[in-house]
Amino acid sequence: MAVEPLIELRDVNKYYGQSHVLQDVSLTVHRGEVVVVIGPSGSGKSTLCRTVNRLETVQSGSILLDGEPLPDEGRGLARLRTEVGMVFQSFNLFAHKTVLQNVSLAQIKVRGRKREDADRRSRELLDRVGLAPQADKYPAQLSGGQQQRVAIARALAMDPKALLFDEPTSALDPEMINEVLDVMKQLAESGMTMVVVTHEMGFARSAADRVVFMDGGRIVEDRTPEEFFTAPESERAKDFLSKILKH
């Protein structure tokens, strides 16, 4: 695996009022690496994910993408959002646009592609996530799992350097979760750099290069899935795993 860092967080601190939600967080994600972030609710996982494309600003510390500090605003920020794609819990699709239009829109508006080129790329990506036949439907005609796969295709359409996933399956019915995780596993296998906040331990075990366990705004452990799941070092991680792996 390449040892080139793509995303670096250095001593990052984030507050909401008095609440210290990220405490001296340092994390390096290498190109082509899949890092899964887990931990109890309120541990700072989603906030960490959202700081990487500046959906959340930080009070201190630095975040680098490809060795460059994240831009503050304006065009640089718009470019950052294309280079670091994000897939949320809620699908954020435009209800009045077809699936194809949803995937093509930002390609045309932000990347400046011609519509026919954008549509061609969109159809390729919809095929990749198993939704080519749904291109002309509207989001409301799709299941939640299908909508989330459209959202993944839309993020991929910008040819990002990395993809962030903020609990992408938590709003889905159980039978739809696997269809989304399968697409994410395929992306991982294709070499996409991914930071995934999730409660899906099976995905963490099978697809992650590293598991980062957070608690109380800090990174408590950062290890391979094998090490983390078989022999967690901290009492906090042991306690967490005993609660979620029982079932």
Protein backbone atom coordinates (compact mmCIF):
# COMPACT_ATOMS: atom_id res chain seq x y z
CA MET A 1 0.00 0.00 0.00
CA ALA A 2 1.19 3.50 -0.78
CA VAL A 3 2.32 5.40 2.29
CA GLU A 4 1.34 8.75 0.86
CA PRO A 5 -0.93 10.63 3.26
CA LEU A 6 -4.05 12.01 1.61
CA ILE A 7 -5.93 13.34 4.65
CA GLU A 8 -4.15 14.55 7.79
CA LEU A 9 -5.69 15.90 10.98
CA ARG A 10 -3.18 17.37 13.40
CA ASP A 11 -4.17 18.22 16.98
CA VAL A 12 -7.66 19.22 15.92
CA ASN A 13 -9.97 20.77 18.52
CA LYS A 14 -13.62 21.57 18.04
CA TYR A 15 -16.08 23.11 20.48
CA TYR A 16 -19.83 23.63 20.42
CA GLY A 17 -20.16 26.33 23.06
CA GLN A 18 -18.72 24.75 26.22
CA SER A 19 -18.80 21.25 24.79
CA HIS A 20 -15.36 20.04 23.65
CA VAL A 21 -16.41 17.61 20.90
CA LEU A 22 -12.99 16.93 19.31
CA GLN A 23 -10.02 16.88 21.67
CA ASP A 24 -6.52 16.99 20.17
CA VAL A 25 -7.52 14.60 17.39
CA SER A 26 -4.70 13.50 15.08
CA LEU A 27 -5.37 11.08 12.26
CA THR A 28 -3.66 10.24 8.97
CA VAL A 29 -5.49 8.52 6.13
CA HIS A 30 -3.30 7.27 3.32
CA ARG A 31 -4.24 7.17 -0.33
CA GLY A 32 -6.31 4.08 -1.08
CA GLU A 33 -6.95 3.36 2.59
CA VAL A 34 -10.33 2.58 4.16
CA VAL A 35 -10.60 3.91 7.71
CA VAL A 36 -13.75 3.03 9.66
CA VAL A 37 -14.58 5.27 12.63
CA ILE A 38 -16.68 3.71 15.36
CA GLY A 39 -17.68 4.58 18.90
CA PRO A 40 -20.66 5.42 21.08
CA SER A 41 -23.12 8.19 20.23
CA GLY A 42 -21.72 11.62 20.98
CA SER A 43 -18.11 10.47 20.72
CA GLY A 44 -17.30 12.96 17.95
CA LYS A 45 -17.30 10.52 15.00
CA SER A 46 -19.63 12.47 12.72
CA THR A 47 -18.05 15.78 13.66
CA LEU A 48 -14.64 14.40 12.75
CA CYS A 49 -15.99 13.26 9.39
CA ARG A 50 -17.58 16.64 8.70
CA THR A 51 -14.44 18.63 9.49
CA VAL A 52 -12.58 16.93 6.64
CA ASN A 53 -14.55 18.81 3.99
CA ARG A 54 -15.16 21.84 6.20
CA LEU A 55 -18.86 21.25 6.83
CA GLU A 56 -17.63 21.93 10.36
CA THR A 57 -14.89 24.41 11.12
CA VAL A 58 -12.36 23.71 13.88
CA GLN A 59 -11.06 26.03 16.57
CA SER A 60 -7.47 24.84 16.54
CA GLY A 61 -5.19 22.37 14.83
CA SER A 62 -4.84 21.80 11.13
CA ILE A 63 -6.39 19.58 8.47
CA LEU A 64 -4.52 18.86 5.26
CA LEU A 65 -5.65 17.32 2.00
CA ASP A 66 -2.79 16.18 -0.24
CA GLY A 67 -0.41 18.19 1.93
CA GLU A 68 -2.36 21.45 1.51
CA PRO A 69 -4.40 23.10 4.30
CA LEU A 70 -8.15 23.08 3.71
CA PRO A 71 -9.34 26.30 2.04
CA ASP A 72 -11.44 28.70 4.11
CA GLU A 73 -14.11 29.75 1.67
CA GLY A 74 -15.06 30.67 -1.86
CA ARG A 75 -13.87 28.76 -4.88
CA GLY A 76 -11.28 26.77 -3.02
CA LEU A 77 -13.97 25.43 -0.71
CA ALA A 78 -16.22 24.49 -3.63
CA ARG A 79 -13.30 22.64 -5.17
CA LEU A 80 -12.58 20.86 -1.89
CA ARG A 81 -16.17 19.60 -1.77
CA THR A 82 -15.70 18.03 -5.20
CA GLU A 83 -12.39 16.44 -4.17
CA VAL A 84 -13.73 15.08 -0.90
CA GLY A 85 -17.17 13.64 -1.58
CA MET A 86 -19.65 13.10 1.24
CA VAL A 87 -22.48 10.61 1.66
CA PHE A 88 -24.87 11.43 4.50
CA GLN A 89 -27.47 9.52 6.52
CA SER A 90 -30.21 11.30 4.62
CA PHE A 91 -29.86 11.05 0.89
CA ASN A 92 -30.31 14.76 0.09
CA LEU A 93 -31.55 14.05 -3.43
CA PHE A 94 -33.60 16.61 -5.35
CA ALA A 95 -37.14 15.25 -5.31
CA HIS A 96 -38.19 17.08 -8.49
CA LYS A 97 -35.28 15.76 -10.56
CA THR A 98 -34.82 12.27 -11.98
CA VAL A 99 -32.11 9.95 -10.72
CA LEU A 100 -30.04 10.75 -13.81
CA GLN A 101 -30.47 14.50 -13.32
CA ASN A 102 -29.49 14.20 -9.66
CA VAL A 103 -26.21 12.52 -10.59
CA SER A 104 -25.46 14.85 -13.51
CA LEU A 105 -26.33 18.19 -11.92
CA ALA A 106 -23.12 18.95 -10.03
CA GLN A 107 -21.00 17.61 -12.89
CA ILE A 108 -22.53 20.27 -15.13
CA LYS A 109 -22.68 23.10 -12.58
CA VAL A 110 -19.40 22.54 -10.72
CA ARG A 111 -17.20 20.51 -13.04
CA GLY A 112 -18.43 22.33 -16.14
CA ARG A 113 -19.16 19.19 -18.13
CA LYS A 114 -21.48 19.21 -21.12
CA ARG A 115 -24.83 17.61 -20.36
CA GLU A 116 -24.31 14.66 -22.69
CA ASP A 117 -20.89 13.94 -21.16
CA ALA A 118 -22.29 14.26 -17.66
CA ASP A 119 -25.23 11.99 -18.49
CA ARG A 120 -22.93 9.39 -20.00
CA ARG A 121 -20.77 9.40 -16.86
CA SER A 122 -23.90 9.27 -14.69
CA ARG A 123 -25.22 6.21 -16.50
CA GLU A 124 -21.85 4.45 -16.07
CA LEU A 125 -21.95 5.15 -12.34
CA LEU A 126 -25.60 4.16 -11.96
CA ASP A 127 -24.66 0.91 -13.65
CA ARG A 128 -21.79 0.53 -11.19
CA VAL A 129 -24.13 0.86 -8.19
CA GLY A 130 -26.68 -1.44 -9.81
CA LEU A 131 -29.25 1.20 -10.71
CA ALA A 132 -28.95 1.71 -14.47
CA PRO A 133 -32.63 0.75 -15.04
CA GLN A 134 -33.79 3.41 -12.55
CA ALA A 135 -32.18 6.40 -14.29
CA ASP A 136 -35.44 8.05 -15.36
CA LYS A 137 -37.31 7.53 -12.10
CA TYR A 138 -37.70 10.11 -9.35
CA PRO A 139 -36.25 9.59 -5.86
CA ALA A 140 -39.70 8.99 -4.33
CA GLN A 141 -40.11 5.96 -6.60
CA LEU A 142 -37.01 4.30 -5.13
CA SER A 143 -36.40 2.46 -1.88
CA GLY A 144 -34.15 4.03 0.75
CA GLY A 145 -31.32 1.68 -0.20
CA GLN A 146 -31.64 2.65 -3.84
CA GLN A 147 -31.69 6.36 -2.96
CA GLN A 148 -28.52 5.96 -0.93
CA ARG A 149 -26.84 4.20 -3.85
CA VAL A 150 -27.84 7.15 -6.07
CA ALA A 151 -26.22 9.45 -3.50
CA ILE A 152 -23.02 7.38 -3.72
CA ALA A 153 -23.09 7.57 -7.53
CA ARG A 154 -23.56 11.33 -7.28
CA ALA A 155 -20.52 11.66 -5.00
CA LEU A 156 -18.45 9.47 -7.35
CA ALA A 157 -19.48 11.58 -10.35
CA MET A 158 -17.18 14.37 -9.16
CA ASP A 159 -14.16 12.02 -9.40
CA PRO A 160 -13.23 12.69 -5.77
CA LYS A 161 -9.87 11.91 -4.21
CA ALA A 162 -11.66 10.59 -1.14
CA LEU A 163 -15.18 9.76 0.02
CA LEU A 164 -16.57 10.41 3.48
CA PHE A 165 -19.53 8.37 4.71
CA ASP A 166 -21.43 9.64 7.74
CA GLU A 167 -23.50 6.68 8.98
CA PRO A 168 -24.74 5.94 5.46
CA THR A 169 -26.95 3.02 6.49
CA SER A 170 -28.44 4.29 9.75
CA ALA A 171 -31.64 5.59 8.14
CA LEU A 172 -32.27 2.38 6.17
CA ASP A 173 -34.47 -0.63 6.81
CA PRO A 174 -32.36 -3.66 7.73
CA GLU A 175 -32.90 -5.49 4.44
CA MET A 176 -31.57 -2.50 2.48
CA ILE A 177 -28.37 -2.08 4.45
CA ASN A 178 -26.44 -4.81 2.65
CA GLU A 179 -27.10 -3.44 -0.83
CA VAL A 180 -25.44 -0.18 0.24
CA LEU A 181 -22.59 -1.89 2.10
CA ASP A 182 -21.93 -4.09 -0.94
CA VAL A 183 -21.43 -1.00 -3.12
CA MET A 184 -19.14 0.47 -0.46
CA LYS A 185 -17.12 -2.75 -0.33
CA GLN A 186 -16.70 -2.66 -4.10
CA LEU A 187 -15.45 0.93 -3.83
CA ALA A 188 -13.01 -0.09 -1.11
CA GLU A 189 -11.70 -2.92 -3.29
CA SER A 190 -11.28 -0.53 -6.23
CA GLY A 191 -8.83 1.55 -4.19
CA MET A 192 -11.06 4.50 -3.24
CA THR A 193 -9.82 6.37 -0.17
CA MET A 194 -12.70 6.22 2.34
CA VAL A 195 -13.46 7.45 5.84
CA VAL A 196 -16.58 5.67 7.06
CA VAL A 197 -18.48 6.46 10.25
CA THR A 198 -20.72 3.48 10.87
CA HIS A 199 -22.28 1.09 13.36
CA GLU A 200 -21.90 -1.80 10.92
CA MET A 201 -19.22 -3.92 12.57
CA GLY A 202 -19.28 -6.55 9.81
CA PHE A 203 -18.29 -3.86 7.31
CA ALA A 204 -15.57 -2.59 9.65
CA ARG A 205 -14.20 -6.11 9.97
CA SER A 206 -14.26 -7.01 6.30
CA ALA A 207 -13.55 -3.76 4.45
CA ALA A 208 -11.48 -1.55 6.75
CA ASP A 209 -7.71 -1.23 6.66
CA ARG A 210 -7.91 0.45 10.06
CA VAL A 211 -10.53 0.86 12.75
CA VAL A 212 -10.51 4.11 14.71
CA PHE A 213 -12.41 3.93 18.00
CA MET A 214 -13.53 7.26 19.46
CA ASP A 215 -14.90 8.13 22.85
CA GLY A 216 -15.47 11.51 24.45
CA GLY A 217 -14.05 13.44 21.51
CA ARG A 218 -10.78 11.54 21.48
CA ILE A 219 -9.28 8.75 19.41
CA VAL A 220 -8.85 5.92 21.91
CA GLU A 221 -7.62 3.23 19.51
CA ASP A 222 -6.40 3.19 15.91
CA ARG A 223 -5.59 -0.37 14.82
CA THR A 224 -6.23 -3.05 12.24
CA PRO A 225 -9.69 -4.64 12.40
CA GLU A 226 -8.10 -7.94 13.40
CA GLU A 227 -6.31 -6.36 16.37
CA PHE A 228 -9.22 -4.19 17.40
CA PHE A 229 -11.94 -6.82 17.33
CA THR A 230 -9.92 -9.67 18.82
CA ALA A 231 -7.85 -7.82 21.41
CA PRO A 232 -8.94 -4.23 22.08
CA GLU A 233 -6.43 -2.47 24.33
CA SER A 234 -8.63 0.00 26.20
CA GLU A 235 -11.27 -0.86 28.76
CA ARG A 236 -13.59 1.57 26.98
CA ALA A 237 -13.33 -0.34 23.69
CA LYS A 238 -13.75 -3.70 25.45
CA ASP A 239 -16.91 -2.40 27.10
CA PHE A 240 -18.23 -0.98 23.82
CA LEU A 241 -17.59 -4.20 21.91
CA SER A 242 -19.09 -6.38 24.61
CA LYS A 243 -22.32 -4.40 24.30
CA ILE A 244 -22.59 -4.47 20.51
CA LEU A 245 -21.13 -7.84 19.59
CA LYS A 246 -23.35 -9.87 21.92
CA HIS A 247 -26.20 -10.03 19.45
